[in-house]
């Protein structure tokens, strides 16, 4: 099997995922994913699709992560891994979709408008 690449996104984070046959090594920006994502909850989020399909030690995953914060990056990586797994085996899509990994979360930060301190917050108003 040649390398399969997929793209995962979440908020401002973009994960370019390169998936190939291997022993289950996940490398993020040249570092091991456990080192990159310190919190165990984020490590869990990253491996969710692999654990669901019982393919944790079947593929090596190399990732370029860019933008966003740590949680957004972890979820973007989960999305990218899910898309790569669907390219390999379309049969597993229903399982992954049932868990909500296939859907790209569309929520983005709303832009700040002129004449206001934040996106929706107005400056304090007083009649006097």
Foldseek 3Di string as FASTA:
>chain_A
DAWFWFWFFFAFKIKIKTKDFFFQFEAEPNHGVCVVQVDPVLVCLLCVVCVLVVCRGTIYMYMYMDDDDSNRRSLRNLLGVLVRVCVVPVVCVVVCVVVPSPDHPPDYAAAADPQAPGNPHHDDDDPD
